[in-house]
Amino acid sequence: MPEQLAPATVRTTVRIPLAFPDGYRVPAEVTTFHGLTDGAEHLALRLGTPRGDAPLVRLHSECLTGDVFGSARCDCGPQLREAVERIAAEGGYLLYLRQEGRGIGLYNKLDAYALQDEGLDTYAANAALGLPEDGRDYAAAAQMLGALGTPRIRLLSNNPDKAAQLAAHGVEVAERVPTGVHASPANLRYLRAKVEHTDHTIALTGLAG
C-alpha cells in the first residue's frame, strides 16, 4: 500500500521568464506550497501546456555549483537545461528540490569533493564523512504533484530510486524517460559511479575514462 502523506496546498503561483546562458528562453509558471513534509522551499515550474493524463515531469535536486556556476564536476547544469527545454516542448513540470549534494548540504558536498580529489568516488566520499550516500527523500515531491492535480506522470530521470519512492507515495510513474548523456573528462568518474553504484541508466559504453 502507498504511504499516506498529509496533503500539501498551493501557496502562490507567479510567472517568471527563464533565460539560459546559451540564449534559450521560456516562460515558467512557478508554484510554491504550504504543508510540505520536510519544510523546505521546493518549487514546481510548469513549462508549456501539460497534456494528457501523464505529463512529463523531472525531479531536479538543487546543485548550486552545477546549476548556477556551471561546474563540470557533475552533469546537473546540463541536465537542468535539457529538462527545461524537453518539458516545455511537451508540457509538464520541473520540480526544483532543495536537496543540495544528494541531501547532505553545500558545505558537506564541497568537503566530499575534497575526498574525491584523494581518490574516493562520490558515494564513498559521503560515507567517509559519516553522511548518507544519498539522503534524498521524495515525499515532498509526491505532495507537490498531488497539490498540482498530477497523480500520474512520465518521469524524466535516469535514477530508479526516484520512480520507486514516488510509487511508494502513491504517484503512478507511467514511464521513466532517460535524460541525455552529458559526459565530460571532468565528470566521467562521477557518472560511472552513478551507473555502477545506484543503477542509473546512463549509456557510457565506449566513452574513455
Protein backbone atom coordinates (compact mmCIF):
# COMPACT_ATOMS: atom_id res chain seq x y z
CA MET A 1 0.00 0.00 0.00
CA PRO A 2 1.29 3.51 -0.81
CA GLU A 3 2.40 5.53 2.19
CA GLN A 4 -0.25 8.11 3.09
CA LEU A 5 1.04 11.68 3.23
CA ALA A 6 -0.73 14.75 4.51
CA PRO A 7 -1.81 16.82 1.51
CA ALA A 8 0.12 19.95 0.56
CA THR A 9 -1.62 23.01 -0.85
CA VAL A 10 -0.62 25.68 -3.34
CA ARG A 11 0.76 28.79 -1.62
CA THR A 12 1.27 31.09 -4.58
CA THR A 13 1.91 30.98 -8.33
CA VAL A 14 3.87 33.53 -10.35
CA ARG A 15 5.14 33.71 -13.92
CA ILE A 16 8.91 34.02 -14.42
CA PRO A 17 10.66 34.31 -17.82
CA LEU A 18 13.61 31.91 -17.78
CA ALA A 19 16.80 32.72 -19.72
CA PHE A 20 19.82 30.42 -20.06
CA PRO A 21 23.41 31.38 -20.94
CA ASP A 22 23.12 29.80 -24.40
CA GLY A 23 20.24 32.13 -25.28
CA TYR A 24 17.34 29.71 -24.72
CA ARG A 25 14.34 31.44 -23.18
CA VAL A 26 10.99 30.11 -21.99
CA PRO A 27 8.26 31.34 -19.63
CA ALA A 28 7.61 29.31 -16.50
CA GLU A 29 4.72 29.32 -14.05
CA VAL A 30 6.37 28.85 -10.66
CA THR A 31 4.37 27.45 -7.74
CA THR A 32 5.20 27.39 -4.03
CA PHE A 33 3.48 25.24 -1.43
CA HIS A 34 2.16 25.01 2.11
CA GLY A 35 2.47 21.82 4.15
CA LEU A 36 5.45 20.06 2.57
CA THR A 37 6.60 17.27 4.84
CA ASP A 38 10.25 18.37 5.07
CA GLY A 39 9.53 22.09 5.46
CA ALA A 40 11.86 23.03 2.60
CA GLU A 41 11.16 25.71 -0.02
CA HIS A 42 10.76 23.45 -3.05
CA LEU A 43 9.40 24.87 -6.32
CA ALA A 44 7.30 23.50 -9.18
CA LEU A 45 7.84 25.04 -12.61
CA ARG A 46 5.06 24.47 -15.12
CA LEU A 47 6.57 24.61 -18.59
CA GLY A 48 4.41 24.63 -21.69
CA THR A 49 0.88 23.26 -21.50
CA PRO A 50 0.59 19.84 -19.82
CA ARG A 51 -1.48 17.48 -21.96
CA GLY A 52 -2.95 14.06 -21.31
CA ASP A 53 -3.10 12.24 -18.02
CA ALA A 54 0.66 11.64 -17.62
CA PRO A 55 2.67 14.83 -18.22
CA LEU A 56 6.45 14.81 -18.43
CA VAL A 57 7.98 15.60 -15.01
CA ARG A 58 11.56 15.99 -13.80
CA LEU A 59 12.62 15.93 -10.15
CA HIS A 60 15.78 18.05 -10.16
CA SER A 61 17.81 18.31 -6.97
CA GLU A 62 19.39 21.70 -6.41
CA CYS A 63 23.07 21.93 -7.32
CA LEU A 64 24.49 25.41 -6.78
CA THR A 65 27.87 24.54 -8.24
CA GLY A 66 26.42 22.94 -11.38
CA ASP A 67 23.16 24.83 -11.93
CA VAL A 68 24.49 28.34 -11.20
CA PHE A 69 28.27 28.27 -11.60
CA GLY A 70 28.46 25.72 -14.41
CA SER A 71 30.72 23.26 -12.57
CA ALA A 72 31.93 20.47 -14.85
CA ARG A 73 32.35 18.02 -11.94
CA CYS A 74 28.76 16.85 -12.37
CA ASP A 75 26.09 16.79 -15.07
CA CYS A 76 23.47 18.74 -13.10
CA GLY A 77 23.61 22.00 -15.06
CA PRO A 78 23.28 20.35 -18.49
CA GLN A 79 20.51 18.07 -17.17
CA LEU A 80 18.58 21.10 -15.90
CA ARG A 81 18.95 22.90 -19.22
CA GLU A 82 17.89 19.79 -21.17
CA ALA A 83 14.92 19.13 -18.90
CA VAL A 84 13.52 22.65 -19.18
CA GLU A 85 13.53 22.55 -22.98
CA ARG A 86 12.15 19.00 -23.25
CA ILE A 87 9.38 19.62 -20.75
CA ALA A 88 8.47 22.97 -22.34
CA ALA A 89 8.14 21.25 -25.73
CA GLU A 90 5.71 18.63 -24.38
CA GLY A 91 4.14 20.45 -21.46
CA GLY A 92 4.77 19.35 -17.89
CA TYR A 93 6.54 20.19 -14.65
CA LEU A 94 10.04 20.57 -13.33
CA LEU A 95 10.17 20.14 -9.55
CA TYR A 96 13.21 22.00 -8.25
CA LEU A 97 14.03 20.34 -4.94
CA ARG A 98 16.26 21.96 -2.33
CA GLN A 99 18.41 18.87 -1.77
CA GLU A 100 21.95 20.09 -2.36
CA GLY A 101 24.58 17.37 -2.56
CA ARG A 102 22.07 14.50 -2.68
CA GLY A 103 20.65 15.84 0.57
CA ILE A 104 23.85 16.48 2.57
CA GLY A 105 24.10 20.25 2.01
CA LEU A 106 26.51 22.54 0.18
CA TYR A 107 29.40 22.62 2.66
CA ASN A 108 29.34 18.86 3.11
CA LYS A 109 29.25 18.42 -0.65
CA LEU A 110 32.38 20.51 -1.01
CA ASP A 111 34.03 18.51 1.77
CA ALA A 112 33.12 15.37 -0.20
CA TYR A 113 34.72 16.90 -3.30
CA ALA A 114 37.98 17.20 -1.36
CA LEU A 115 37.81 13.48 -0.56
CA GLN A 116 37.03 12.69 -4.19
CA ASP A 117 40.22 14.55 -5.13
CA GLU A 118 42.03 12.00 -2.96
CA GLY A 119 40.51 9.09 -4.91
CA LEU A 120 37.13 8.28 -3.36
CA ASP A 121 34.05 8.15 -5.55
CA THR A 122 31.07 10.37 -4.85
CA TYR A 123 29.26 7.79 -2.70
CA ALA A 124 32.32 6.65 -0.74
CA ALA A 125 33.20 10.28 -0.01
CA ASN A 126 29.80 10.88 1.59
CA ALA A 127 30.14 7.71 3.65
CA ALA A 128 33.64 8.72 4.79
CA LEU A 129 32.12 11.92 6.20
CA GLY A 130 29.59 9.87 8.17
CA LEU A 131 26.79 11.01 5.87
CA PRO A 132 24.26 9.05 3.79
CA GLU A 133 25.39 8.12 0.30
CA ASP A 134 22.11 9.57 -0.94
CA GLY A 135 19.96 11.31 1.67
CA ARG A 136 17.18 12.47 -0.62
CA ASP A 137 13.55 11.81 0.26
CA TYR A 138 10.94 12.44 -2.44
CA ALA A 139 7.87 12.54 -0.18
CA ALA A 140 7.60 16.30 -0.67
CA ALA A 141 7.74 15.83 -4.44
CA ALA A 142 4.78 13.45 -4.22
CA GLN A 143 2.90 16.04 -2.16
CA MET A 144 3.67 18.71 -4.76
CA LEU A 145 2.34 16.55 -7.57
CA GLY A 146 -0.80 15.90 -5.53
CA ALA A 147 -1.34 19.63 -4.99
CA LEU A 148 -0.90 20.19 -8.73
CA GLY A 149 -3.51 17.52 -9.50
CA THR A 150 -0.94 15.29 -11.21
CA PRO A 151 -1.11 11.76 -9.75
CA ARG A 152 0.22 10.07 -12.92
CA ILE A 153 3.41 11.13 -14.70
CA ARG A 154 6.12 10.29 -17.16
CA LEU A 155 9.33 10.73 -15.19
CA LEU A 156 12.35 12.29 -16.90
CA SER A 157 15.13 10.60 -14.95
CA ASN A 158 17.97 8.09 -15.07
CA ASN A 159 17.55 7.33 -11.36
CA PRO A 160 15.39 4.30 -10.48
CA ASP A 161 15.13 5.41 -6.83
CA LYS A 162 13.10 8.46 -7.81
CA ALA A 163 10.48 6.31 -9.52
CA ALA A 164 10.43 3.81 -6.64
CA GLN A 165 9.97 6.48 -3.98
CA LEU A 166 7.23 8.26 -5.92
CA ALA A 167 5.38 4.98 -6.41
CA ALA A 168 5.68 4.27 -2.67
CA HIS A 169 3.92 7.58 -2.05
CA GLY A 170 1.08 6.88 -4.46
CA VAL A 171 2.30 8.59 -7.64
CA GLU A 172 1.90 6.43 -10.73
CA VAL A 173 5.01 6.53 -12.91
CA ALA A 174 3.64 5.51 -16.29
CA GLU A 175 7.07 5.68 -17.94
CA ARG A 176 10.64 6.53 -17.00
CA VAL A 177 12.23 8.63 -19.75
CA PRO A 178 16.05 8.82 -19.69
CA THR A 179 17.90 12.11 -19.99
CA GLY A 180 20.74 12.61 -22.41
CA VAL A 181 24.34 11.73 -21.55
CA HIS A 182 26.28 14.84 -20.52
CA ALA A 183 29.73 13.33 -20.09
CA SER A 184 33.00 15.22 -19.99
CA PRO A 185 36.53 14.38 -18.87
CA ALA A 186 35.78 16.17 -15.57
CA ASN A 187 32.62 14.23 -14.69
CA LEU A 188 33.10 10.78 -16.24
CA ARG A 189 34.21 9.14 -12.98
CA TYR A 190 31.17 10.68 -11.25
CA LEU A 191 28.81 9.32 -13.91
CA ARG A 192 30.38 5.86 -13.78
CA ALA A 193 29.84 5.78 -10.02
CA LYS A 194 26.14 6.56 -10.52
CA VAL A 195 25.80 3.73 -13.04
CA GLU A 196 27.75 1.16 -11.02
CA HIS A 197 26.55 2.09 -7.54
CA THR A 198 22.89 3.08 -7.94
CA ASP A 199 21.93 1.63 -11.34
CA HIS A 200 21.42 4.94 -13.12
CA THR A 201 20.53 4.37 -16.77
CA ILE A 202 23.34 6.35 -18.38
CA ALA A 203 24.84 4.94 -21.57
CA LEU A 204 28.58 5.32 -21.01
CA THR A 205 29.70 2.45 -23.25
CA GLY A 206 32.57 3.49 -25.45
CA LEU A 207 33.44 6.64 -23.53
CA ALA A 208 37.04 6.88 -22.36
CA GLY A 209 37.97 7.33 -18.72
